[in-house]
Amino acid sequence: MRDFVDGTAFNNEQGNRARKLFAAVVLAALDDAIADDKKYGNGPEQIARWARSRDGREVLTCAGIDPNERVVSGLMEFVGKGVRTSVALSREESERRHAAEAQAEAA
């Protein structure tokens, strides 16, 4: 019984690592689309094309993201904002956004 539990825990941990790896691929695709948007102006279309492609759908699924049109539109909106993923995930950016929202509500 103990070996079964250890094996299950190991498999779960391996699955979590794989999911994180695929999530990193999604973040890299977002950064590439943002760079394309700044350079060529077609970032949202690029990420939509990738997310709708067979490879993109597979990567999104392996990252634990359901590859539906709502997700594609969210990815396009994120790329359209032009904020790189490393900045968007940072604490400073989060605090700045909350402060801006609080100012907007107070005004």
Protein backbone atom coordinates (compact mmCIF):
# COMPACT_ATOMS: atom_id res chain seq x y z
CA MET A 1 0.00 0.00 0.00
CA ARG A 2 2.82 2.39 0.86
CA ASP A 3 4.46 1.85 -2.54
CA PHE A 4 1.18 2.66 -4.29
CA VAL A 5 0.84 5.94 -2.38
CA ASP A 6 4.47 6.87 -3.11
CA GLY A 7 3.99 6.06 -6.79
CA THR A 8 0.81 8.11 -6.98
CA ALA A 9 2.46 11.07 -5.26
CA PHE A 10 5.42 10.81 -7.64
CA ASN A 11 3.16 10.68 -10.69
CA ASN A 12 1.18 13.68 -9.43
CA GLU A 13 4.40 15.63 -8.91
CA GLN A 14 5.60 14.74 -12.40
CA GLY A 15 2.26 15.88 -13.82
CA ASN A 16 2.53 19.21 -12.02
CA ARG A 17 6.05 19.73 -13.37
CA ALA A 18 4.89 18.99 -16.92
CA ARG A 19 1.96 21.39 -16.55
CA LYS A 20 4.34 24.14 -15.37
CA LEU A 21 6.62 23.47 -18.31
CA PHE A 22 3.76 23.85 -20.78
CA ALA A 23 2.56 26.98 -18.96
CA ALA A 24 6.03 28.43 -19.53
CA VAL A 25 5.64 27.69 -23.25
CA VAL A 26 2.34 29.61 -23.25
CA LEU A 27 4.04 32.57 -21.54
CA ALA A 28 6.83 32.47 -24.13
CA ALA A 29 4.26 32.46 -26.94
CA LEU A 30 2.58 35.50 -25.36
CA ASP A 31 5.92 37.32 -25.12
CA ASP A 32 6.66 36.51 -28.78
CA ALA A 33 3.25 37.83 -29.82
CA ILE A 34 3.81 41.02 -27.79
CA ALA A 35 7.18 41.50 -29.50
CA ASP A 36 5.51 40.96 -32.90
CA ASP A 37 2.83 43.47 -31.96
CA LYS A 38 5.42 46.13 -31.15
CA LYS A 39 7.46 45.38 -34.28
CA TYR A 40 4.83 44.54 -36.91
CA GLY A 41 1.50 45.43 -35.29
CA ASN A 42 0.00 41.95 -35.67
CA GLY A 43 0.48 40.43 -32.19
CA PRO A 44 -3.15 39.63 -31.34
CA GLU A 45 -3.63 37.92 -34.71
CA GLN A 46 -0.42 35.93 -34.19
CA ILE A 47 -1.43 34.61 -30.76
CA ALA A 48 -4.94 33.81 -32.02
CA ARG A 49 -3.52 31.89 -34.98
CA TRP A 50 -1.18 29.99 -32.64
CA ALA A 51 -3.88 29.24 -30.05
CA ARG A 52 -6.24 27.94 -32.73
CA SER A 53 -3.57 25.79 -34.36
CA ARG A 54 -3.26 22.12 -33.55
CA ASP A 55 0.04 22.62 -31.70
CA GLY A 56 -1.29 25.62 -29.80
CA ARG A 57 -4.39 23.75 -28.68
CA GLU A 58 -2.25 20.85 -27.52
CA VAL A 59 0.12 23.10 -25.57
CA LEU A 60 -2.78 24.95 -23.94
CA THR A 61 -4.42 21.65 -22.99
CA CYS A 62 -1.17 20.30 -21.51
CA ALA A 63 -0.82 23.55 -19.54
CA GLY A 64 -4.26 22.92 -18.03
CA ILE A 65 -6.02 25.60 -20.10
CA ASP A 66 -9.17 24.75 -22.04
CA PRO A 67 -8.45 25.96 -25.61
CA ASN A 68 -11.81 27.59 -26.38
CA GLU A 69 -12.67 30.90 -28.06
CA ARG A 70 -13.01 32.68 -24.72
CA VAL A 71 -9.40 31.81 -23.94
CA VAL A 72 -8.28 32.92 -27.41
CA SER A 73 -9.99 36.28 -26.99
CA GLY A 74 -8.40 36.67 -23.55
CA LEU A 75 -4.96 35.94 -25.00
CA MET A 76 -5.57 38.47 -27.77
CA GLU A 77 -6.66 41.09 -25.23
CA PHE A 78 -3.55 40.44 -23.12
CA VAL A 79 -1.26 40.81 -26.14
CA GLY A 80 -3.12 43.96 -27.17
CA LYS A 81 -2.26 45.58 -23.82
CA GLY A 82 1.43 45.16 -24.64
CA VAL A 83 2.57 44.31 -21.10
CA ARG A 84 5.20 41.57 -21.08
CA THR A 85 4.36 38.51 -19.02
CA SER A 86 7.28 38.95 -16.61
CA VAL A 87 6.07 42.47 -15.83
CA ALA A 88 2.41 41.46 -15.61
CA LEU A 89 3.26 38.72 -13.11
CA SER A 90 5.41 40.93 -10.91
CA ARG A 91 4.24 42.25 -7.56
CA GLU A 92 4.98 45.88 -8.47
CA GLU A 93 2.74 45.75 -11.53
CA SER A 94 -0.04 44.19 -9.49
CA GLU A 95 0.21 46.88 -6.84
CA ARG A 96 0.28 49.61 -9.51
CA ARG A 97 -2.85 48.21 -11.16
CA HIS A 98 -4.71 48.02 -7.84
CA ALA A 99 -3.72 51.61 -7.04
CA ALA A 100 -4.94 52.76 -10.46
CA GLU A 101 -8.24 50.91 -9.97
CA ALA A 102 -8.67 52.49 -6.52
CA GLN A 103 -8.05 55.96 -7.97
CA ALA A 104 -10.54 55.32 -10.76
CA GLU A 105 -13.18 54.24 -8.25
CA ALA A 106 -12.53 57.29 -6.04
CA ALA A 107 -12.85 59.71 -8.96
